[in-house]
C-alpha atoms as a PDB file:
ATOM      1  CA  MET A   1     130.161  78.880  74.866  1.00  0.00           C
ATOM      2  CA  LYS A   2     129.344  82.817  75.288  1.00  0.00           C
ATOM      3  CA  GLY A   3     129.646  82.639  79.268  1.00  0.00           C
ATOM      4  CA  SER A   4     132.972  80.748  78.765  1.00  0.00           C
ATOM      5  CA  MET A   5     134.253  83.546  76.863  1.00  0.00           C
ATOM      6  CA  ILE A   6     133.116  86.133  79.196  1.00  0.00           C
ATOM      7  CA  ALA A   7     134.733  84.435  81.939  1.00  0.00           C
ATOM      8  CA  GLY A   8     137.813  84.132  79.821  1.00  0.00           C
ATOM      9  CA  ALA A   9     137.824  87.513  79.257  1.00  0.00           C
ATOM     10  CA  ALA A  10     137.343  88.698  82.746  1.00  0.00           C
ATOM     11  CA  LEU A  11     140.093  86.476  84.043  1.00  0.00           C
ATOM     12  CA  LEU A  12     142.418  88.021  81.530  1.00  0.00           C
ATOM     13  CA  ALA A  13     141.344  91.326  82.480  1.00  0.00           C
ATOM     14  CA  ALA A  14     141.727  90.738  86.076  1.00  0.00           C
ATOM     15  CA  SER A  15     145.244  89.368  85.188  1.00  0.00           C
ATOM     16  CA  LEU A  16     146.074  92.169  83.354  1.00  0.00           C
ATOM     17  CA  ALA A  17     144.651  94.722  85.623  1.00  0.00           C
ATOM     18  CA  GLY A  18     147.462  95.436  88.185  1.00  0.00           C
ATOM     19  CA  CYS A  19     149.983  95.695  84.912  1.00  0.00           C
ATOM     20  CA  VAL A  20     147.958  97.562  82.331  1.00  0.00           C
ATOM     21  CA  ALA A  21     144.552  99.206  81.692  1.00  0.00           C
ATOM     22  CA  VAL A  22     142.182  96.928  79.678  1.00  0.00           C
ATOM     23  CA  SER A  23     138.573  97.895  78.560  1.00  0.00           C
ATOM     24  CA  ASP A  24     136.360  96.970  75.802  1.00  0.00           C
ATOM     25  CA  VAL A  25     137.150  93.140  76.106  1.00  0.00           C
ATOM     26  CA  ASN A  26     135.329  91.273  73.567  1.00  0.00           C
ATOM     27  CA  ASP A  27     138.159  89.086  72.240  1.00  0.00           C
ATOM     28  CA  TYR A  28     140.521  88.154  74.746  1.00  0.00           C
ATOM     29  CA  GLU A  29     142.845  86.642  72.371  1.00  0.00           C
ATOM     30  CA  ALA A  30     143.173  90.173  70.745  1.00  0.00           C
ATOM     31  CA  VAL A  31     143.803  91.706  73.834  1.00  0.00           C
ATOM     32  CA  ARG A  32     146.432  89.360  74.843  1.00  0.00           C
ATOM     33  CA  ALA A  33     148.025  89.958  71.438  1.00  0.00           C
ATOM     34  CA  ASN A  34     147.934  93.777  71.567  1.00  0.00           C
ATOM     35  CA  THR A  35     149.114  93.373  75.166  1.00  0.00           C
ATOM     36  CA  ASP A  36     152.254  92.120  74.476  1.00  0.00           C
ATOM     37  CA  LEU A  37     152.716  94.416  71.075  1.00  0.00           C
ATOM     38  CA  ALA A  38     152.013  97.316  73.280  1.00  0.00           C
ATOM     39  CA  VAL A  39     154.803  96.361  75.884  1.00  0.00           C
ATOM     40  CA  ARG A  40     157.054  95.884  73.437  1.00  0.00           C
ATOM     41  CA  VAL A  41     156.243  99.104  71.493  1.00  0.00           C
ATOM     42  CA  CYS A  42     155.609 101.397  74.245  1.00  0.00           C
ATOM     43  CA  GLY A  43     158.889 100.311  76.176  1.00  0.00           C
ATOM     44  CA  GLY A  44     157.619  98.582  79.146  1.00  0.00           C
ATOM     45  CA  GLU A  45     154.242  97.981  81.032  1.00  0.00           C
ATOM     46  CA  GLY A  46     154.753 101.126  82.767  1.00  0.00           C
ATOM     47  CA  ASN A  47     154.468 103.027  79.830  1.00  0.00           C
ATOM     48  CA  VAL A  48     151.221 101.287  78.515  1.00  0.00           C
ATOM     49  CA  GLN A  49     147.956 103.675  78.943  1.00  0.00           C
ATOM     50  CA  GLU A  50     145.123 101.218  77.967  1.00  0.00           C
ATOM     51  CA  VAL A  51     144.645  98.033  75.708  1.00  0.00           C
ATOM     52  CA  THR A  52     141.753  97.029  74.068  1.00  0.00           C
ATOM     53  CA  ASP A  53     140.756  94.250  71.433  1.00  0.00           C
ATOM     54  CA  ASP A  54     141.081  96.848  68.881  1.00  0.00           C
ATOM     55  CA  GLY A  55     144.673  98.300  69.665  1.00  0.00           C
ATOM     56  CA  TYR A  56     146.802 100.194  72.394  1.00  0.00           C
ATOM     57  CA  THR A  57     147.700 103.431  73.404  1.00  0.00           C
ATOM     58  CA  CYS A  58     151.094 104.646  74.966  1.00  0.00           C
ATOM     59  CA  LYS A  59     151.615 107.040  77.874  1.00  0.00           C
ATOM     60  CA  SER A  60     152.443 110.155  76.551  1.00  0.00           C
ATOM     61  CA  GLU A  61     155.359 111.917  78.368  1.00  0.00           C
END
């Protein structure tokens, strides 16, 4: 079970690595939800600095 969660988190991080910086992945469902929210709130993928399972940060101008 734990191995499949780690593998799932690694796949999620790899799929997002080209678009958004992802770190501290412990809960891949939370990261996916935070990524969707970050893209909407920050105004696009290019404006997202980092996404974690706890939240996200937008790039500052």
